[in-house]
Amino acid sequence: MGFRLPRIVNAKRSLKRTLSSSETTVVPRGHFAVYVGEAEKKRFVVPISLLKHPSFQTLLSEAEEEFGFDHPMGALTIPCSEEAFGDLTRNLRSS
């Protein structure tokens, strides 16, 4: 009985895509995970360099007031919409 190599290769690719989009993946060095959203929280991995920006620090202050830093999601939770957070992080990365 022989193995079909193309099926194995395709299965590996599919598994890598699944693992890379999984919320249990390891956060890369120099980054941290946050949960963002109003009703349903979405996980974002952002560079630590964003922490130095005053607008991101304001967002963190709001998160502390609303949720505290000991949150059951296992990561920092940011109280804003995904769209607003995406806009903010894009602007901060480009500056």
Foldseek 3Di string as FASTA:
>chain_A
DDDDVVVVVVVVVVVVVVQVLDPPDDQDPQWFWEWEAAPDTDIDIAGPVLCVDPVVVVQQVVQCVPPNQPHPVPGRYGYDHPVVVVVVRVVSVVD
